[in-house]
Amino acid sequence: MDTLARKHCQACEGDVPPFTVEQSLALLPQVPRWELEDKVTPTRTTHILTRQFKFKDFVAAMDFVNRVAGLAESEGHHPDIYISWNRVRLELTTHSIKGLSENDFIMAAKVNEMERNA
């Protein structure tokens, strides 16, 4: 059983520090096919979780995006979503703390579970 997928995202209003790289690396094996990346902006570098998905066509990609949107809404934790024809890229980060939290790994695990059960 995927323990992260059984948890639920908790509201995070900036009252906790973002995960360290070591904390993120410890959870990464629990979310196969997701990667840690640094998202660099002019004002800061933020650690994010990313995953690429490929589909047979645009309609299948949009169906997946709509399912992710429903899941995200039910968890109150919303990924950044990038769509191009038959590809979708999801980026997860906890914006209020400007980094990663357990919520990001929970959401990644739930997306993986949703994909397995499709």
PDB file of N, CA and C in Angstrom:
ATOM      1  N   MET A   1       0.837  -1.180   0.000  1.00  0.00           N
ATOM      2  CA  MET A   1       0.000   0.000   0.000  1.00  0.00           C
ATOM      3  C   MET A   1       0.885   1.248   0.000  1.00  0.00           C
ATOM      4  N   ASP A   2       0.542   2.223  -0.819  1.00  0.00           N
ATOM      5  CA  ASP A   2       1.275   3.481  -0.899  1.00  0.00           C
ATOM      6  C   ASP A   2       0.801   4.386   0.232  1.00  0.00           C
ATOM      7  N   THR A   3       1.608   4.545   1.264  1.00  0.00           N
ATOM      8  CA  THR A   3       1.170   5.301   2.438  1.00  0.00           C
ATOM      9  C   THR A   3       0.960   6.779   2.129  1.00  0.00           C
ATOM     10  N   LEU A   4       1.771   7.371   1.276  1.00  0.00           N
ATOM     11  CA  LEU A   4       1.560   8.778   0.933  1.00  0.00           C
ATOM     12  C   LEU A   4       0.214   8.980   0.251  1.00  0.00           C
ATOM     13  N   ALA A   5      -0.172   8.075  -0.615  1.00  0.00           N
ATOM     14  CA  ALA A   5      -1.439   8.205  -1.340  1.00  0.00           C
ATOM     15  C   ALA A   5      -2.644   8.076  -0.417  1.00  0.00           C
ATOM     16  N   ARG A   6      -2.464   7.521   0.763  1.00  0.00           N
ATOM     17  CA  ARG A   6      -3.564   7.365   1.729  1.00  0.00           C
ATOM     18  C   ARG A   6      -3.722   8.586   2.625  1.00  0.00           C
ATOM     19  N   LYS A   7      -2.742   9.483   2.594  1.00  0.00           N
ATOM     20  CA  LYS A   7      -2.815  10.698   3.398  1.00  0.00           C
ATOM     21  C   LYS A   7      -3.574  11.774   2.636  1.00  0.00           C
ATOM     22  N   HIS A   8      -3.857  12.863   3.328  1.00  0.00           N
ATOM     23  CA  HIS A   8      -4.511  14.011   2.705  1.00  0.00           C
ATOM     24  C   HIS A   8      -3.672  15.255   2.952  1.00  0.00           C
ATOM     25  N   CYS A   9      -3.680  16.145   1.991  1.00  0.00           N
ATOM     26  CA  CYS A   9      -2.934  17.395   2.114  1.00  0.00           C
ATOM     27  C   CYS A   9      -3.526  18.226   3.249  1.00  0.00           C
ATOM     28  N   GLN A  10      -2.644  18.861   3.994  1.00  0.00           N
ATOM     29  CA  GLN A  10      -3.039  19.718   5.111  1.00  0.00           C
ATOM     30  C   GLN A  10      -2.735  21.164   4.748  1.00  0.00           C
ATOM     31  N   ALA A  11      -3.595  22.059   5.177  1.00  0.00           N
ATOM     32  CA  ALA A  11      -3.376  23.481   4.898  1.00  0.00           C
ATOM     33  C   ALA A  11      -2.027  23.922   5.445  1.00  0.00           C
ATOM     34  N   CYS A  12      -1.322  24.678   4.641  1.00  0.00           N
ATOM     35  CA  CYS A  12       0.010  25.138   5.007  1.00  0.00           C
ATOM     36  C   CYS A  12       0.076  26.622   4.669  1.00  0.00           C
ATOM     37  N   GLU A  13       0.102  27.465   5.665  1.00  0.00           N
ATOM     38  CA  GLU A  13       0.059  28.906   5.442  1.00  0.00           C
ATOM     39  C   GLU A  13       1.400  29.588   5.681  1.00  0.00           C
ATOM     40  N   GLY A  14       2.484  28.882   5.470  1.00  0.00           N
ATOM     41  CA  GLY A  14       3.789  29.489   5.643  1.00  0.00           C
ATOM     42  C   GLY A  14       4.326  29.365   7.049  1.00  0.00           C
ATOM     43  N   ASP A  15       3.665  28.555   7.865  1.00  0.00           N
ATOM     44  CA  ASP A  15       4.090  28.415   9.257  1.00  0.00           C
ATOM     45  C   ASP A  15       5.064  27.260   9.467  1.00  0.00           C
ATOM     46  N   VAL A  16       5.475  26.611   8.381  1.00  0.00           N
ATOM     47  CA  VAL A  16       6.466  25.534   8.468  1.00  0.00           C
ATOM     48  C   VAL A  16       7.563  25.809   7.448  1.00  0.00           C
ATOM     49  N   PRO A  17       8.777  25.389   7.730  1.00  0.00           N
ATOM     50  CA  PRO A  17       9.842  25.596   6.746  1.00  0.00           C
ATOM     51  C   PRO A  17       9.706  24.599   5.592  1.00  0.00           C
ATOM     52  N   PRO A  18      10.189  24.962   4.413  1.00  0.00           N
ATOM     53  CA  PRO A  18      10.181  24.002   3.298  1.00  0.00           C
ATOM     54  C   PRO A  18      11.138  22.861   3.597  1.00  0.00           C
ATOM     55  N   PHE A  19      10.879  21.721   2.960  1.00  0.00           N
ATOM     56  CA  PHE A  19      11.755  20.563   3.103  1.00  0.00           C
ATOM     57  C   PHE A  19      13.173  20.910   2.664  1.00  0.00           C
ATOM     58  N   THR A  20      14.113  20.294   3.323  1.00  0.00           N
ATOM     59  CA  THR A  20      15.496  20.350   2.856  1.00  0.00           C
ATOM     60  C   THR A  20      15.628  19.389   1.677  1.00  0.00           C
ATOM     61  N   VAL A  21      16.713  19.481   0.958  1.00  0.00           N
ATOM     62  CA  VAL A  21      16.971  18.548  -0.136  1.00  0.00           C
ATOM     63  C   VAL A  21      16.999  17.124   0.404  1.00  0.00           C
ATOM     64  N   GLU A  22      17.600  16.931   1.574  1.00  0.00           N
ATOM     65  CA  GLU A  22      17.691  15.593   2.172  1.00  0.00           C
ATOM     66  C   GLU A  22      16.310  15.032   2.485  1.00  0.00           C
ATOM     67  N   GLN A  23      15.408  15.854   3.011  1.00  0.00           N
ATOM     68  CA  GLN A  23      14.046  15.400   3.298  1.00  0.00           C
ATOM     69  C   GLN A  23      13.322  15.025   2.010  1.00  0.00           C
ATOM     70  N   SER A  24      13.512  15.822   0.986  1.00  0.00           N
ATOM     71  CA  SER A  24      12.876  15.537  -0.305  1.00  0.00           C
ATOM     72  C   SER A  24      13.419  14.253  -0.916  1.00  0.00           C
ATOM     73  N   LEU A  25      14.728  14.079  -0.867  1.00  0.00           N
ATOM     74  CA  LEU A  25      15.335  12.864  -1.416  1.00  0.00           C
ATOM     75  C   LEU A  25      14.885  11.616  -0.673  1.00  0.00           C
ATOM     76  N   ALA A  26      14.595  11.754   0.609  1.00  0.00           N
ATOM     77  CA  ALA A  26      14.133  10.607   1.393  1.00  0.00           C
ATOM     78  C   ALA A  26      12.742  10.145   0.946  1.00  0.00           C
ATOM     79  N   LEU A  27      11.897  11.077   0.519  1.00  0.00           N
ATOM     80  CA  LEU A  27      10.538  10.723   0.078  1.00  0.00           C
ATOM     81  C   LEU A  27      10.452  10.402  -1.412  1.00  0.00           C
ATOM     82  N   LEU A  28      11.422  10.853  -2.187  1.00  0.00           N
ATOM     83  CA  LEU A  28      11.365  10.684  -3.635  1.00  0.00           C
ATOM     84  C   LEU A  28      11.150   9.233  -4.085  1.00  0.00           C
ATOM     85  N   PRO A  29      11.765   8.223  -3.451  1.00  0.00           N
ATOM     86  CA  PRO A  29      11.515   6.847  -3.891  1.00  0.00           C
ATOM     87  C   PRO A  29      10.045   6.404  -3.761  1.00  0.00           C
ATOM     88  N   GLN A  30       9.275   7.120  -2.955  1.00  0.00           N
ATOM     89  CA  GLN A  30       7.865   6.770  -2.783  1.00  0.00           C
ATOM     90  C   GLN A  30       6.970   7.327  -3.894  1.00  0.00           C
ATOM     91  N   VAL A  31       7.560   8.148  -4.777  1.00  0.00           N
ATOM     92  CA  VAL A  31       6.789   8.702  -5.897  1.00  0.00           C
ATOM     93  C   VAL A  31       7.547   8.441  -7.206  1.00  0.00           C
ATOM     94  N   PRO A  32       7.500   7.184  -7.671  1.00  0.00           N
ATOM     95  CA  PRO A  32       8.230   6.822  -8.888  1.00  0.00           C
ATOM     96  C   PRO A  32       7.894   7.726 -10.071  1.00  0.00           C
ATOM     97  N   ARG A  33       8.894   7.984 -10.876  1.00  0.00           N
ATOM     98  CA  ARG A  33       8.829   8.774 -12.107  1.00  0.00           C
ATOM     99  C   ARG A  33       8.737  10.282 -11.867  1.00  0.00           C
ATOM    100  N   TRP A  34       8.687  10.713 -10.619  1.00  0.00           N
ATOM    101  CA  TRP A  34       8.760  12.137 -10.304  1.00  0.00           C
ATOM    102  C   TRP A  34      10.216  12.497 -10.081  1.00  0.00           C
ATOM    103  N   GLU A  35      10.552  13.749 -10.393  1.00  0.00           N
ATOM    104  CA  GLU A  35      11.925  14.227 -10.259  1.00  0.00           C
ATOM    105  C   GLU A  35      11.964  15.514  -9.442  1.00  0.00           C
ATOM    106  N   LEU A  36      13.061  15.689  -8.736  1.00  0.00           N
ATOM    107  CA  LEU A  36      13.317  16.957  -8.054  1.00  0.00           C
ATOM    108  C   LEU A  36      14.008  17.894  -9.030  1.00  0.00           C
ATOM    109  N   GLU A  37      13.554  19.126  -9.069  1.00  0.00           N
ATOM    110  CA  GLU A  37      14.182  20.136  -9.916  1.00  0.00           C
ATOM    111  C   GLU A  37      14.282  21.434  -9.144  1.00  0.00           C
ATOM    112  N   ASP A  38      15.177  22.273  -9.574  1.00  0.00           N
ATOM    113  CA  ASP A  38      15.270  23.636  -9.071  1.00  0.00           C
ATOM    114  C   ASP A  38      14.600  24.545 -10.088  1.00  0.00           C
ATOM    115  N   LYS A  39      13.617  25.304  -9.645  1.00  0.00           N
ATOM    116  CA  LYS A  39      12.974  26.293 -10.515  1.00  0.00           C
ATOM    117  C   LYS A  39      13.583  27.644 -10.163  1.00  0.00           C
ATOM    118  N   VAL A  40      14.281  28.206 -11.125  1.00  0.00           N
ATOM    119  CA  VAL A  40      15.020  29.440 -10.898  1.00  0.00           C
ATOM    120  C   VAL A  40      14.234  30.623 -11.463  1.00  0.00           C
ATOM    121  N   THR A  41      14.016  31.627 -10.627  1.00  0.00           N
ATOM    122  CA  THR A  41      13.408  32.883 -11.060  1.00  0.00           C
ATOM    123  C   THR A  41      14.391  34.000 -10.722  1.00  0.00           C
ATOM    124  N   PRO A  42      14.135  35.190 -11.172  1.00  0.00           N
ATOM    125  CA  PRO A  42      15.068  36.275 -10.847  1.00  0.00           C
ATOM    126  C   PRO A  42      15.216  36.536  -9.342  1.00  0.00           C
ATOM    127  N   THR A  43      14.220  36.162  -8.558  1.00  0.00           N
ATOM    128  CA  THR A  43      14.273  36.473  -7.125  1.00  0.00           C
ATOM    129  C   THR A  43      14.633  35.301  -6.227  1.00  0.00           C
ATOM    130  N   ARG A  44      14.507  34.061  -6.722  1.00  0.00           N
ATOM    131  CA  ARG A  44      14.813  32.920  -5.856  1.00  0.00           C
ATOM    132  C   ARG A  44      14.889  31.623  -6.655  1.00  0.00           C
ATOM    133  N   THR A  45      15.409  30.598  -5.997  1.00  0.00           N
ATOM    134  CA  THR A  45      15.402  29.239  -6.518  1.00  0.00           C
ATOM    135  C   THR A  45      14.518  28.414  -5.607  1.00  0.00           C
ATOM    136  N   THR A  46      13.566  27.697  -6.187  1.00  0.00           N
ATOM    137  CA  THR A  46      12.617  26.886  -5.429  1.00  0.00           C
ATOM    138  C   THR A  46      12.752  25.435  -5.860  1.00  0.00           C
ATOM    139  N   HIS A  47      12.755  24.530  -4.905  1.00  0.00           N
ATOM    140  CA  HIS A  47      12.750  23.103  -5.225  1.00  0.00           C
ATOM    141  C   HIS A  47      11.318  22.707  -5.569  1.00  0.00           C
ATOM    142  N   ILE A  48      11.172  21.952  -6.670  1.00  0.00           N
ATOM    143  CA  ILE A  48       9.860  21.494  -7.106  1.00  0.00           C
ATOM    144  C   ILE A  48       9.921  20.010  -7.458  1.00  0.00           C
ATOM    145  N   LEU A  49       8.755  19.379  -7.474  1.00  0.00           N
ATOM    146  CA  LEU A  49       8.602  18.015  -7.988  1.00  0.00           C
ATOM    147  C   LEU A  49       7.995  18.121  -9.368  1.00  0.00           C
ATOM    148  N   THR A  50       8.530  17.388 -10.333  1.00  0.00           N
ATOM    149  CA  THR A  50       7.996  17.438 -11.689  1.00  0.00           C
ATOM    150  C   THR A  50       7.808  16.029 -12.251  1.00  0.00           C
ATOM    151  N   ARG A  51       6.877  15.945 -13.183  1.00  0.00           N
ATOM    152  CA  ARG A  51       6.713  14.695 -13.923  1.00  0.00           C
ATOM    153  C   ARG A  51       6.112  15.014 -15.277  1.00  0.00           C
ATOM    154  N   GLN A  52       6.598  14.309 -16.293  1.00  0.00           N
ATOM    155  CA  GLN A  52       6.102  14.436 -17.662  1.00  0.00           C
ATOM    156  C   GLN A  52       5.198  13.245 -17.975  1.00  0.00           C
ATOM    157  N   PHE A  53       4.130  13.486 -18.694  1.00  0.00           N
ATOM    158  CA  PHE A  53       3.208  12.441 -19.120  1.00  0.00           C
ATOM    159  C   PHE A  53       3.014  12.560 -20.623  1.00  0.00           C
ATOM    160  N   LYS A  54       2.885  11.424 -21.298  1.00  0.00           N
ATOM    161  CA  LYS A  54       2.655  11.411 -22.747  1.00  0.00           C
ATOM    162  C   LYS A  54       1.393  10.604 -23.027  1.00  0.00           C
ATOM    163  N   PHE A  55       0.568  11.106 -23.939  1.00  0.00           N
ATOM    164  CA  PHE A  55      -0.716  10.489 -24.260  1.00  0.00           C
ATOM    165  C   PHE A  55      -0.842  10.281 -25.764  1.00  0.00           C
ATOM    166  N   LYS A  56      -1.856   9.517 -26.156  1.00  0.00           N
ATOM    167  CA  LYS A  56      -2.017   9.214 -27.578  1.00  0.00           C
ATOM    168  C   LYS A  56      -2.457  10.433 -28.382  1.00  0.00           C
ATOM    169  N   ASP A  57      -3.151  11.378 -27.738  1.00  0.00           N
ATOM    170  CA  ASP A  57      -3.610  12.566 -28.454  1.00  0.00           C
ATOM    171  C   ASP A  57      -4.005  13.660 -27.459  1.00  0.00           C
ATOM    172  N   PHE A  58      -4.456  14.774 -27.996  1.00  0.00           N
ATOM    173  CA  PHE A  58      -4.822  15.928 -27.181  1.00  0.00           C
ATOM    174  C   PHE A  58      -6.008  15.623 -26.263  1.00  0.00           C
ATOM    175  N   VAL A  59      -6.981  14.904 -26.782  1.00  0.00           N
ATOM    176  CA  VAL A  59      -8.172  14.589 -25.985  1.00  0.00           C
ATOM    177  C   VAL A  59      -7.788  13.761 -24.757  1.00  0.00           C
ATOM    178  N   ALA A  60      -6.925  12.778 -24.923  1.00  0.00           N
ATOM    179  CA  ALA A  60      -6.481  11.960 -23.786  1.00  0.00           C
ATOM    180  C   ALA A  60      -5.696  12.811 -22.789  1.00  0.00           C
ATOM    181  N   ALA A  61      -4.879  13.722 -23.283  1.00  0.00           N
ATOM    182  CA  ALA A  61      -4.118  14.613 -22.398  1.00  0.00           C
ATOM    183  C   ALA A  61      -5.066  15.500 -21.594  1.00  0.00           C
ATOM    184  N   MET A  62      -6.083  16.034 -22.247  1.00  0.00           N
ATOM    185  CA  MET A  62      -7.041  16.903 -21.560  1.00  0.00           C
ATOM    186  C   MET A  62      -7.888  16.126 -20.556  1.00  0.00           C
ATOM    187  N   ASP A  63      -8.218  14.881 -20.880  1.00  0.00           N
ATOM    188  CA  ASP A  63      -8.944  14.041 -19.934  1.00  0.00           C
ATOM    189  C   ASP A  63      -8.114  13.858 -18.663  1.00  0.00           C
ATOM    190  N   PHE A  64      -6.834  13.588 -18.829  1.00  0.00           N
ATOM    191  CA  PHE A  64      -5.930  13.437 -17.694  1.00  0.00           C
ATOM    192  C   PHE A  64      -5.865  14.735 -16.880  1.00  0.00           C
ATOM    193  N   VAL A  65      -5.721  15.865 -17.566  1.00  0.00           N
ATOM    194  CA  VAL A  65      -5.652  17.162 -16.880  1.00  0.00           C
ATOM    195  C   VAL A  65      -6.924  17.398 -16.069  1.00  0.00           C
ATOM    196  N   ASN A  66      -8.071  17.073 -16.626  1.00  0.00           N
ATOM    197  CA  ASN A  66      -9.330  17.262 -15.905  1.00  0.00           C
ATOM    198  C   ASN A  66      -9.414  16.369 -14.669  1.00  0.00           C
ATOM    199  N   ARG A  67      -8.903  15.146 -14.772  1.00  0.00           N
ATOM    200  CA  ARG A  67      -8.889  14.263 -13.597  1.00  0.00           C
ATOM    201  C   ARG A  67      -7.928  14.788 -12.538  1.00  0.00           C
ATOM    202  N   VAL A  68      -6.772  15.295 -12.967  1.00  0.00           N
ATOM    203  CA  VAL A  68      -5.822  15.890 -12.023  1.00  0.00           C
ATOM    204  C   VAL A  68      -6.458  17.111 -11.357  1.00  0.00           C
ATOM    205  N   ALA A  69      -7.179  17.912 -12.122  1.00  0.00           N
ATOM    206  CA  ALA A  69      -7.826  19.102 -11.566  1.00  0.00           C
ATOM    207  C   ALA A  69      -8.836  18.720 -10.484  1.00  0.00           C
ATOM    208  N   GLY A  70      -9.611  17.676 -10.727  1.00  0.00           N
ATOM    209  CA  GLY A  70     -10.567  17.218  -9.720  1.00  0.00           C
ATOM    210  C   GLY A  70      -9.876  16.731  -8.454  1.00  0.00           C
ATOM    211  N   LEU A  71      -8.819  15.965  -8.649  1.00  0.00           N
ATOM    212  CA  LEU A  71      -8.033  15.476  -7.513  1.00  0.00           C
ATOM    213  C   LEU A  71      -7.431  16.643  -6.740  1.00  0.00           C
ATOM    214  N   ALA A  72      -6.842  17.592  -7.449  1.00  0.00           N
ATOM    215  CA  ALA A  72      -6.212  18.750  -6.813  1.00  0.00           C
ATOM    216  C   ALA A  72      -7.237  19.557  -6.014  1.00  0.00           C
ATOM    217  N   GLU A  73      -8.398  19.735  -6.582  1.00  0.00           N
ATOM    218  CA  GLU A  73      -9.443  20.493  -5.888  1.00  0.00           C
ATOM    219  C   GLU A  73      -9.876  19.775  -4.609  1.00  0.00           C
ATOM    220  N   SER A  74     -10.012  18.454  -4.678  1.00  0.00           N
ATOM    221  CA  SER A  74     -10.429  17.706  -3.480  1.00  0.00           C
ATOM    222  C   SER A  74      -9.351  17.725  -2.393  1.00  0.00           C
ATOM    223  N   GLU A  75      -8.091  17.845  -2.782  1.00  0.00           N
ATOM    224  CA  GLU A  75      -6.987  17.888  -1.820  1.00  0.00           C
ATOM    225  C   GLU A  75      -6.623  19.316  -1.403  1.00  0.00           C
ATOM    226  N   GLY A  76      -7.129  20.309  -2.124  1.00  0.00           N
ATOM    227  CA  GLY A  76      -6.774  21.685  -1.819  1.00  0.00           C
ATOM    228  C   GLY A  76      -5.302  21.972  -2.081  1.00  0.00           C
ATOM    229  N   HIS A  77      -4.730  21.244  -3.045  1.00  0.00           N
ATOM    230  CA  HIS A  77      -3.308  21.411  -3.369  1.00  0.00           C
ATOM    231  C   HIS A  77      -3.175  21.320  -4.882  1.00  0.00           C
ATOM    232  N   HIS A  78      -2.805  22.425  -5.510  1.00  0.00           N
ATOM    233  CA  HIS A  78      -2.936  22.556  -6.953  1.00  0.00           C
ATOM    234  C   HIS A  78      -1.591  22.634  -7.660  1.00  0.00           C
ATOM    235  N   PRO A  79      -1.349  21.729  -8.609  1.00  0.00           N
ATOM    236  CA  PRO A  79      -0.093  21.758  -9.371  1.00  0.00           C
ATOM    237  C   PRO A  79      -0.130  22.842 -10.441  1.00  0.00           C
ATOM    238  N   ASP A  80       1.037  23.215 -10.895  1.00  0.00           N
ATOM    239  CA  ASP A  80       1.134  23.996 -12.122  1.00  0.00           C
ATOM    240  C   ASP A  80       1.088  22.967 -13.246  1.00  0.00           C
ATOM    241  N   ILE A  81       0.247  23.227 -14.242  1.00  0.00           N
ATOM    242  CA  ILE A  81       0.010  22.268 -15.315  1.00  0.00           C
ATOM    243  C   ILE A  81       0.370  22.915 -16.651  1.00  0.00           C
ATOM    244  N   TYR A  82       1.190  22.199 -17.432  1.00  0.00           N
ATOM    245  CA  TYR A  82       1.603  22.661 -18.755  1.00  0.00           C
ATOM    246  C   TYR A  82       1.165  21.606 -19.769  1.00  0.00           C
ATOM    247  N   ILE A  83       0.440  22.056 -20.798  1.00  0.00           N
ATOM    248  CA  ILE A  83      -0.143  21.137 -21.781  1.00  0.00           C
ATOM    249  C   ILE A  83       0.356  21.500 -23.177  1.00  0.00           C
ATOM    250  N   SER A  84       0.774  20.482 -23.920  1.00  0.00           N
ATOM    251  CA  SER A  84       1.088  20.673 -25.340  1.00  0.00           C
ATOM    252  C   SER A  84       0.700  19.405 -26.079  1.00  0.00           C
ATOM    253  N   TRP A  85      -0.246  19.510 -26.945  1.00  0.00           N
ATOM    254  CA  TRP A  85      -0.865  18.448 -27.726  1.00  0.00           C
ATOM    255  C   TRP A  85      -1.027  17.136 -26.971  1.00  0.00           C
ATOM    256  N   ASN A  86      -0.032  16.253 -26.975  1.00  0.00           N
ATOM    257  CA  ASN A  86      -0.198  14.950 -26.307  1.00  0.00           C
ATOM    258  C   ASN A  86       0.713  14.817 -25.084  1.00  0.00           C
ATOM    259  N   ARG A  87       1.161  15.933 -24.554  1.00  0.00           N
ATOM    260  CA  ARG A  87       2.065  15.902 -23.397  1.00  0.00           C
ATOM    261  C   ARG A  87       1.550  16.814 -22.293  1.00  0.00           C
ATOM    262  N   VAL A  88       1.783  16.378 -21.073  1.00  0.00           N
ATOM    263  CA  VAL A  88       1.421  17.172 -19.896  1.00  0.00           C
ATOM    264  C   VAL A  88       2.612  17.148 -18.946  1.00  0.00           C
ATOM    265  N   ARG A  89       2.927  18.306 -18.413  1.00  0.00           N
ATOM    266  CA  ARG A  89       3.968  18.415 -17.385  1.00  0.00           C
ATOM    267  C   ARG A  89       3.298  18.965 -16.139  1.00  0.00           C
ATOM    268  N   LEU A  90       3.484  18.265 -15.025  1.00  0.00           N
ATOM    269  CA  LEU A  90       2.994  18.742 -13.740  1.00  0.00           C
ATOM    270  C   LEU A  90       4.173  19.211 -12.902  1.00  0.00           C
ATOM    271  N   GLU A  91       3.989  20.324 -12.228  1.00  0.00           N
ATOM    272  CA  GLU A  91       4.978  20.832 -11.283  1.00  0.00           C
ATOM    273  C   GLU A  91       4.279  21.023  -9.945  1.00  0.00           C
ATOM    274  N   LEU A  92       4.865  20.456  -8.914  1.00  0.00           N
ATOM    275  CA  LEU A  92       4.317  20.575  -7.562  1.00  0.00           C
ATOM    276  C   LEU A  92       5.277  21.325  -6.664  1.00  0.00           C
ATOM    277  N   THR A  93       4.748  22.263  -5.936  1.00  0.00           N
ATOM    278  CA  THR A  93       5.478  22.981  -4.896  1.00  0.00           C
ATOM    279  C   THR A  93       4.443  23.591  -3.960  1.00  0.00           C
ATOM    280  N   THR A  94       4.842  23.879  -2.756  1.00  0.00           N
ATOM    281  CA  THR A  94       3.943  24.535  -1.806  1.00  0.00           C
ATOM    282  C   THR A  94       4.281  26.020  -1.846  1.00  0.00           C
ATOM    283  N   HIS A  95       3.477  26.767  -2.576  1.00  0.00           N
ATOM    284  CA  HIS A  95       3.783  28.168  -2.842  1.00  0.00           C
ATOM    285  C   HIS A  95       3.890  28.998  -1.567  1.00  0.00           C
ATOM    286  N   SER A  96       3.059  28.696  -0.568  1.00  0.00           N
ATOM    287  CA  SER A  96       3.049  29.518   0.646  1.00  0.00           C
ATOM    288  C   SER A  96       4.350  29.436   1.436  1.00  0.00           C
ATOM    289  N   ILE A  97       5.109  28.343   1.256  1.00  0.00           N
ATOM    290  CA  ILE A  97       6.398  28.233   1.962  1.00  0.00           C
ATOM    291  C   ILE A  97       7.574  28.310   0.994  1.00  0.00           C
ATOM    292  N   LYS A  98       7.266  28.529  -0.277  1.00  0.00           N
ATOM    293  CA  LYS A  98       8.294  28.692  -1.315  1.00  0.00           C
ATOM    294  C   LYS A  98       9.236  27.489  -1.390  1.00  0.00           C
ATOM    295  N   GLY A  99       8.639  26.300  -1.384  1.00  0.00           N
ATOM    296  CA  GLY A  99       9.422  25.073  -1.470  1.00  0.00           C
ATOM    297  C   GLY A  99       8.533  23.854  -1.349  1.00  0.00           C
ATOM    298  N   LEU A 100       9.148  22.732  -1.096  1.00  0.00           N
ATOM    299  CA  LEU A 100       8.415  21.464  -1.015  1.00  0.00           C
ATOM    300  C   LEU A 100       7.978  21.159   0.413  1.00  0.00           C
ATOM    301  N   SER A 101       6.844  20.496   0.507  1.00  0.00           N
ATOM    302  CA  SER A 101       6.323  19.993   1.781  1.00  0.00           C
ATOM    303  C   SER A 101       5.789  18.587   1.543  1.00  0.00           C
ATOM    304  N   GLU A 102       5.373  17.946   2.606  1.00  0.00           N
ATOM    305  CA  GLU A 102       4.793  16.613   2.450  1.00  0.00           C
ATOM    306  C   GLU A 102       3.593  16.642   1.506  1.00  0.00           C
ATOM    307  N   ASN A 103       2.855  17.747   1.476  1.00  0.00           N
ATOM    308  CA  ASN A 103       1.695  17.850   0.588  1.00  0.00           C
ATOM    309  C   ASN A 103       2.052  17.586  -0.867  1.00  0.00           C
ATOM    310  N   ASP A 104       3.213  18.052  -1.293  1.00  0.00           N
ATOM    311  CA  ASP A 104       3.621  17.844  -2.686  1.00  0.00           C
ATOM    312  C   ASP A 104       3.835  16.362  -2.982  1.00  0.00           C
ATOM    313  N   PHE A 105       4.414  15.653  -2.044  1.00  0.00           N
ATOM    314  CA  PHE A 105       4.652  14.224  -2.221  1.00  0.00           C
ATOM    315  C   PHE A 105       3.341  13.438  -2.126  1.00  0.00           C
ATOM    316  N   ILE A 106       2.429  13.889  -1.279  1.00  0.00           N
ATOM    317  CA  ILE A 106       1.103  13.264  -1.198  1.00  0.00           C
ATOM    318  C   ILE A 106       0.389  13.417  -2.536  1.00  0.00           C
ATOM    319  N   MET A 107       0.415  14.622  -3.074  1.00  0.00           N
ATOM    320  CA  MET A 107      -0.259  14.864  -4.352  1.00  0.00           C
ATOM    321  C   MET A 107       0.378  14.041  -5.473  1.00  0.00           C
ATOM    322  N   ALA A 108       1.707  13.963  -5.493  1.00  0.00           N
ATOM    323  CA  ALA A 108       2.400  13.155  -6.510  1.00  0.00           C
ATOM    324  C   ALA A 108       1.991  11.688  -6.391  1.00  0.00           C
ATOM    325  N   ALA A 109       1.918  11.173  -5.174  1.00  0.00           N
ATOM    326  CA  ALA A 109       1.527   9.773  -4.966  1.00  0.00           C
ATOM    327  C   ALA A 109       0.088   9.549  -5.416  1.00  0.00           C
ATOM    328  N   LYS A 110      -0.776  10.498  -5.165  1.00  0.00           N
ATOM    329  CA  LYS A 110      -2.175  10.368  -5.573  1.00  0.00           C
ATOM    330  C   LYS A 110      -2.310  10.422  -7.103  1.00  0.00           C
ATOM    331  N   VAL A 111      -1.507  11.253  -7.754  1.00  0.00           N
ATOM    332  CA  VAL A 111      -1.517  11.292  -9.226  1.00  0.00           C
ATOM    333  C   VAL A 111      -1.044   9.944  -9.767  1.00  0.00           C
ATOM    334  N   ASN A 112       0.026   9.402  -9.182  1.00  0.00           N
ATOM    335  CA  ASN A 112       0.503   8.080  -9.619  1.00  0.00           C
ATOM    336  C   ASN A 112      -0.589   7.030  -9.447  1.00  0.00           C
ATOM    337  N   GLU A 113      -1.268   7.047  -8.319  1.00  0.00           N
ATOM    338  CA  GLU A 113      -2.344   6.075  -8.068  1.00  0.00           C
ATOM    339  C   GLU A 113      -3.489   6.267  -9.053  1.00  0.00           C
ATOM    340  N   MET A 114      -3.840   7.516  -9.338  1.00  0.00           N
ATOM    341  CA  MET A 114      -4.899   7.805 -10.293  1.00  0.00           C
ATOM    342  C   MET A 114      -4.538   7.264 -11.677  1.00  0.00           C
ATOM    343  N   GLU A 115      -3.260   7.444 -12.051  1.00  0.00           N
ATOM    344  CA  GLU A 115      -2.793   6.943 -13.350  1.00  0.00           C
ATOM    345  C   GLU A 115      -2.869   5.409 -13.410  1.00  0.00           C
ATOM    346  N   ARG A 116      -2.473   4.751 -12.331  1.00  0.00           N
ATOM    347  CA  ARG A 116      -2.515   3.273 -12.279  1.00  0.00           C
ATOM    348  C   ARG A 116      -3.940   2.750 -12.386  1.00  0.00           C
ATOM    349  N   ASN A 117      -4.894   3.495 -11.821  1.00  0.00           N
ATOM    350  CA  ASN A 117      -6.278   3.030 -11.777  1.00  0.00           C
ATOM    351  C   ASN A 117      -7.101   3.505 -12.972  1.00  0.00           C
ATOM    352  N   ALA A 118      -6.465   4.191 -13.923  1.00  0.00           N
ATOM    353  CA  ALA A 118      -7.205   4.721 -15.089  1.00  0.00           C
ATOM    354  C   ALA A 118      -7.603   3.625 -16.042  1.00  0.00           C
TER     355      ALA A 118
END
